[in-house]
Structure formats: structure tokens, C-alpha cells
Amino acid sequence: MPGSAAISVQNVSKTFGDTQVLRDVSRDFEEGRVHGIVGNNGSGKTVLMKCICGFLPPGAGKILVRGRQVGRDMDFPDDTGIIIETPGFLPNLTGIKNLELLASLRRRVDKEGIRETIRRVGLDPDSKKPVGKYSLGMRQRLGIAQAIMENPSILILDEPFNGLDKNGVADMREVIKGLRTQGKTIILASHNQMDIDELCDTVCEMDAGVLTMVK
């Protein structure tokens, strides 16, 4: 329900060597809303997302997802779809084969569900083209399909429109609007102000590891 925090970041700091990349970040991300994070490359956006997903441990502070602490109560938050940086796929397999392999790990989506998700992001589930021959935009669409195929209630999307042409961006914005109407909780980082303006209910800015509310 809107109003309660799906994700709670509490006094999180992170340092790599002598460089502090997150500085005492605290923020509650409410259930059922799209939360935008803007900021330059190197500002700390991706590191924060990796901490939320359990890929990096915070140096200080803690992160709760649905009341359970990442890295203590669970290694990775369950029921979460993620796209961070360039999606990694097996280049010699087709898109659908890659997704079927990933889906076999948790068995939460059947083959027809995977086919439907591939169509939803504008790809052809019957294509015989291996992912190694995909354009950057096609690979990005497949990455979004991977993130949403198990119908997770939380999505962490770091620059999900990278490599997409104008039509691709428009298509994927519609996908995210559809997810918002389903009540998903989405954290979205984007360099494009139009993405943020059109899709996000709240907006934060990350600058030199400090997170501040904008909207």
C-alpha cells in the first residue's frame, strides 16, 4: 500500500580506498511509486543501487527491504527485478534461451510467460539470432525483459534506456507506466530529464555521494 516504505536506506556510507562514494544516505522509498534518482556519472547512484540489491555491502548503516535487512536477514532482496549497468547474457544463445536459463533458477515463470515478456519489450521470441549479434538497444530490451519476467513487486532500474533509439525509449516508457499502474515499487536512475519528469512520482539528486530530495 502507498505510504509504507518498501525500501528503507538508513545512514548508509560506502568508501572505496580513500574515496567516499556514499555519505550518510537516508531515504525511504514508498511502496507502489516510481522513485527517480538523477546525478552525474560517478555521483554514487549505481553504488547505492548495488547496495540495495545486496551486490555491495554498505560500509556503515543498513538497508531494509520490506523490513528485512539486506546482508543480514537475506543476501539479496527477494521478489526484486534488477537491471544495473550492461546486462550480461550468454552471447551464443538466443534471447529466449538466455531468459529460460535464468528462469530455471527460481521457476517463477513458465515458457509462455517468458515469450509474452519478450513480446512486451518489442522483441521476437521466435528469433534465432544469438544475443552476441544483438544491437545495444536489443540487448537493453532483453535486459528489461529479464528484470520484469518474474513479475517482481520491486524493480531497480539503472539507466534502463541506455542504447535505445527514440522509438525504443518511448516503448520502454510505456512498459514502465504499465508497471506503475500495477502498483510496482520502482527505483529508476536516468540521465534523461524527460524520463524522470514523465515517469517518476518522487525525485532525488545524488551529488558526490550525498542524496537530496528534489520532488
Protein backbone atom coordinates (compact mmCIF):
# COMPACT_ATOMS: atom_id res chain seq x y z
CA MET A 1 0.00 0.00 0.00
CA PRO A 2 1.27 3.52 -0.78
CA GLY A 3 2.63 5.27 2.27
CA SER A 4 4.69 2.43 3.74
CA ALA A 5 8.37 2.07 2.86
CA ALA A 6 9.21 -0.84 0.56
CA ILE A 7 12.89 0.09 0.85
CA SER A 8 14.49 1.98 3.74
CA VAL A 9 18.07 3.24 3.39
CA GLN A 10 19.37 4.24 6.82
CA ASN A 11 22.59 6.26 7.27
CA VAL A 12 24.43 4.34 4.56
CA SER A 13 28.03 5.25 3.74
CA LYS A 14 30.44 3.49 1.42
CA THR A 15 34.14 4.04 0.78
CA PHE A 16 36.46 2.58 -1.84
CA GLY A 17 40.04 3.17 -0.68
CA ASP A 18 40.31 6.89 0.06
CA THR A 19 37.19 7.78 -1.93
CA GLN A 20 33.86 8.12 -0.13
CA VAL A 21 31.14 7.35 -2.68
CA LEU A 22 28.10 7.36 -0.35
CA ARG A 23 27.84 9.85 2.52
CA ASP A 24 25.31 9.07 5.24
CA VAL A 25 22.47 8.40 2.79
CA SER A 26 19.00 8.03 4.33
CA ARG A 27 15.82 7.68 2.30
CA ASP A 28 12.55 5.74 2.47
CA PHE A 29 11.23 4.61 -0.91
CA GLU A 30 7.46 4.25 -0.62
CA GLU A 31 5.57 1.21 -1.83
CA GLY A 32 3.81 1.47 -5.18
CA ARG A 33 5.58 4.55 -6.55
CA VAL A 34 8.28 5.33 -9.12
CA HIS A 35 11.29 6.97 -7.48
CA GLY A 36 13.76 8.79 -9.72
CA ILE A 37 17.44 9.29 -8.92
CA VAL A 38 19.38 11.80 -11.00
CA GLY A 39 23.08 12.65 -10.89
CA ASN A 40 26.25 12.69 -12.93
CA ASN A 41 28.39 9.64 -13.62
CA GLY A 42 30.40 8.86 -10.51
CA SER A 43 27.91 10.58 -8.19
CA GLY A 44 27.09 7.33 -6.36
CA LYS A 45 23.75 6.33 -7.94
CA THR A 46 24.89 2.91 -9.16
CA VAL A 47 26.74 2.14 -5.91
CA LEU A 48 23.57 2.90 -3.92
CA MET A 49 21.55 0.60 -6.18
CA LYS A 50 24.13 -2.17 -5.81
CA CYS A 51 23.94 -1.82 -2.03
CA ILE A 52 20.13 -2.05 -2.12
CA CYS A 53 20.40 -5.21 -4.24
CA GLY A 54 22.98 -6.82 -1.95
CA PHE A 55 25.76 -6.74 -4.56
CA LEU A 56 27.88 -4.45 -2.35
CA PRO A 57 27.82 -4.27 1.46
CA PRO A 58 27.47 -0.78 2.96
CA GLY A 59 30.50 0.40 4.94
CA ALA A 60 28.13 1.88 7.53
CA GLY A 61 24.37 2.00 8.02
CA LYS A 62 21.79 -0.52 6.87
CA ILE A 63 19.22 -1.15 4.16
CA LEU A 64 15.84 -2.74 4.83
CA VAL A 65 13.67 -4.21 2.09
CA ARG A 66 10.16 -4.91 3.36
CA GLY A 67 11.52 -4.75 6.91
CA ARG A 68 14.32 -7.28 6.39
CA GLN A 69 17.95 -6.19 6.41
CA VAL A 70 19.97 -6.81 3.26
CA GLY A 71 23.17 -8.71 4.08
CA ARG A 72 21.88 -9.91 7.45
CA ASP A 73 18.36 -11.34 7.05
CA MET A 74 18.98 -12.13 3.36
CA ASP A 75 21.83 -11.92 0.87
CA PHE A 76 19.66 -10.46 -1.88
CA PRO A 77 16.16 -9.00 -1.61
CA ASP A 78 13.56 -11.44 -2.88
CA ASP A 79 10.86 -10.50 -5.38
CA THR A 80 13.10 -7.87 -7.00
CA GLY A 81 13.88 -7.29 -10.68
CA ILE A 82 17.20 -5.62 -11.43
CA ILE A 83 18.97 -4.01 -14.36
CA ILE A 84 22.31 -2.43 -13.41
CA GLU A 85 24.94 -1.48 -15.98
CA THR A 86 25.15 -3.57 -19.16
CA PRO A 87 23.10 -6.77 -18.83
CA GLY A 88 25.24 -9.89 -19.12
CA PHE A 89 23.95 -12.69 -21.35
CA LEU A 90 25.45 -15.77 -22.98
CA PRO A 91 26.33 -14.48 -26.46
CA ASN A 92 25.96 -17.76 -28.34
CA LEU A 93 22.34 -18.34 -27.19
CA THR A 94 19.14 -16.70 -28.37
CA GLY A 95 17.30 -14.19 -26.22
CA ILE A 96 14.61 -16.65 -25.21
CA LYS A 97 17.17 -19.35 -24.35
CA ASN A 98 19.01 -16.88 -22.10
CA LEU A 99 15.80 -15.97 -20.28
CA GLU A 100 14.73 -19.62 -19.97
CA LEU A 101 18.09 -20.43 -18.33
CA LEU A 102 17.68 -17.56 -15.85
CA ALA A 103 14.06 -18.51 -15.17
CA SER A 104 15.08 -22.11 -14.38
CA LEU A 105 16.91 -20.87 -11.27
CA ARG A 106 13.74 -19.90 -9.41
CA ARG A 107 10.97 -21.43 -11.54
CA ARG A 108 8.62 -18.50 -11.12
CA VAL A 109 7.68 -18.01 -14.76
CA ASP A 110 6.78 -20.57 -17.42
CA LYS A 111 7.82 -20.60 -21.08
CA GLU A 112 4.68 -18.82 -22.26
CA GLY A 113 5.23 -16.12 -19.63
CA ILE A 114 8.76 -15.61 -20.94
CA ARG A 115 7.52 -15.40 -24.54
CA GLU A 116 4.90 -12.85 -23.53
CA THR A 117 7.52 -10.73 -21.71
CA ILE A 118 9.82 -10.79 -24.74
CA ARG A 119 6.95 -9.56 -26.93
CA ARG A 120 6.11 -6.90 -24.33
CA VAL A 121 9.55 -5.29 -24.72
CA GLY A 122 9.32 -5.35 -28.52
CA LEU A 123 11.46 -8.40 -29.34
CA ASP A 124 10.54 -11.57 -31.24
CA PRO A 125 10.51 -14.70 -29.05
CA ASP A 126 10.99 -16.88 -32.15
CA SER A 127 14.11 -15.07 -33.36
CA LYS A 128 17.05 -17.41 -33.97
CA LYS A 129 19.59 -14.57 -33.68
CA PRO A 130 22.12 -15.16 -30.86
CA VAL A 131 22.44 -12.38 -28.30
CA GLY A 132 26.04 -11.80 -29.42
CA LYS A 133 24.63 -10.40 -32.69
CA TYR A 134 22.11 -8.12 -30.92
CA SER A 135 22.39 -4.35 -31.19
CA LEU A 136 22.90 -2.44 -27.94
CA GLY A 137 19.23 -1.47 -27.99
CA MET A 138 18.04 -5.06 -28.43
CA ARG A 139 20.29 -6.16 -25.59
CA GLN A 140 18.84 -3.43 -23.40
CA ARG A 141 15.28 -4.55 -24.21
CA LEU A 142 16.25 -8.11 -23.29
CA GLY A 143 17.71 -6.80 -20.03
CA ILE A 144 14.40 -5.13 -19.19
CA ALA A 145 12.58 -8.37 -20.07
CA GLN A 146 14.90 -10.24 -17.68
CA ALA A 147 14.10 -7.75 -14.90
CA ILE A 148 10.30 -7.94 -15.27
CA MET A 149 9.66 -11.53 -16.42
CA GLU A 150 9.05 -12.98 -12.93
CA ASN A 151 6.57 -10.18 -12.14
CA PRO A 152 8.54 -8.82 -9.16
CA SER A 153 6.95 -6.23 -6.89
CA ILE A 154 10.18 -4.16 -6.70
CA LEU A 155 12.29 -3.02 -9.66
CA ILE A 156 15.76 -1.44 -9.50
CA LEU A 157 16.48 0.08 -12.92
CA ASP A 158 19.82 1.79 -13.50
CA GLU A 159 19.75 3.72 -16.80
CA PRO A 160 17.28 1.25 -18.37
CA PHE A 161 17.01 3.28 -21.60
CA ASN A 162 20.75 3.17 -22.43
CA GLY A 163 21.36 2.37 -26.09
CA LEU A 164 17.70 2.69 -27.11
CA ASP A 165 16.64 4.83 -30.05
CA LYS A 166 13.74 7.29 -29.77
CA ASN A 167 11.11 4.65 -30.52
CA GLY A 168 12.72 2.23 -28.08
CA VAL A 169 12.69 4.82 -25.30
CA ALA A 170 9.01 5.55 -26.00
CA ASP A 171 8.20 1.80 -25.92
CA MET A 172 10.03 1.22 -22.65
CA ARG A 173 8.45 4.28 -21.02
CA GLU A 174 5.07 2.71 -21.75
CA VAL A 175 6.24 -0.57 -20.19
CA ILE A 176 7.27 1.29 -17.01
CA LYS A 177 3.98 3.22 -16.92
CA GLY A 178 2.18 -0.12 -17.11
CA LEU A 179 4.26 -1.45 -14.22
CA ARG A 180 3.43 1.66 -12.18
CA THR A 181 -0.30 1.11 -12.70
CA GLN A 182 0.20 -2.44 -11.37
CA GLY A 183 1.48 -0.93 -8.12
CA LYS A 184 5.14 -1.88 -8.51
CA THR A 185 7.78 -0.06 -6.46
CA ILE A 186 10.41 1.21 -8.89
CA ILE A 187 13.74 2.98 -8.35
CA LEU A 188 14.84 4.48 -11.66
CA ALA A 189 18.14 6.22 -12.43
CA SER A 190 18.26 8.15 -15.69
CA HIS A 191 20.33 10.91 -17.27
CA ASN A 192 17.29 12.00 -19.30
CA GLN A 193 15.18 14.63 -17.57
CA MET A 194 12.16 13.69 -19.72
CA ASP A 195 12.27 10.12 -18.39
CA ILE A 196 12.29 11.47 -14.84
CA ASP A 197 9.56 14.07 -15.45
CA GLU A 198 7.26 11.65 -17.26
CA LEU A 199 7.68 8.56 -15.09
CA CYS A 200 8.62 9.48 -11.53
CA ASP A 201 6.46 10.30 -8.51
CA THR A 202 9.47 11.37 -6.42
CA VAL A 203 12.92 12.59 -7.46
CA CYS A 204 16.23 12.64 -5.55
CA GLU A 205 19.56 14.01 -6.70
CA MET A 206 22.84 12.28 -5.94
CA ASP A 207 25.90 14.55 -5.89
CA ALA A 208 29.28 13.39 -4.59
CA GLY A 209 27.62 10.68 -2.53
CA VAL A 210 25.01 12.94 -0.93
CA LEU A 211 21.33 12.24 -1.68
CA THR A 212 18.86 15.12 -1.52
CA MET A 213 15.14 15.28 -2.28
CA VAL A 214 14.15 17.33 -5.33
CA LYS A 215 10.48 16.41 -5.64
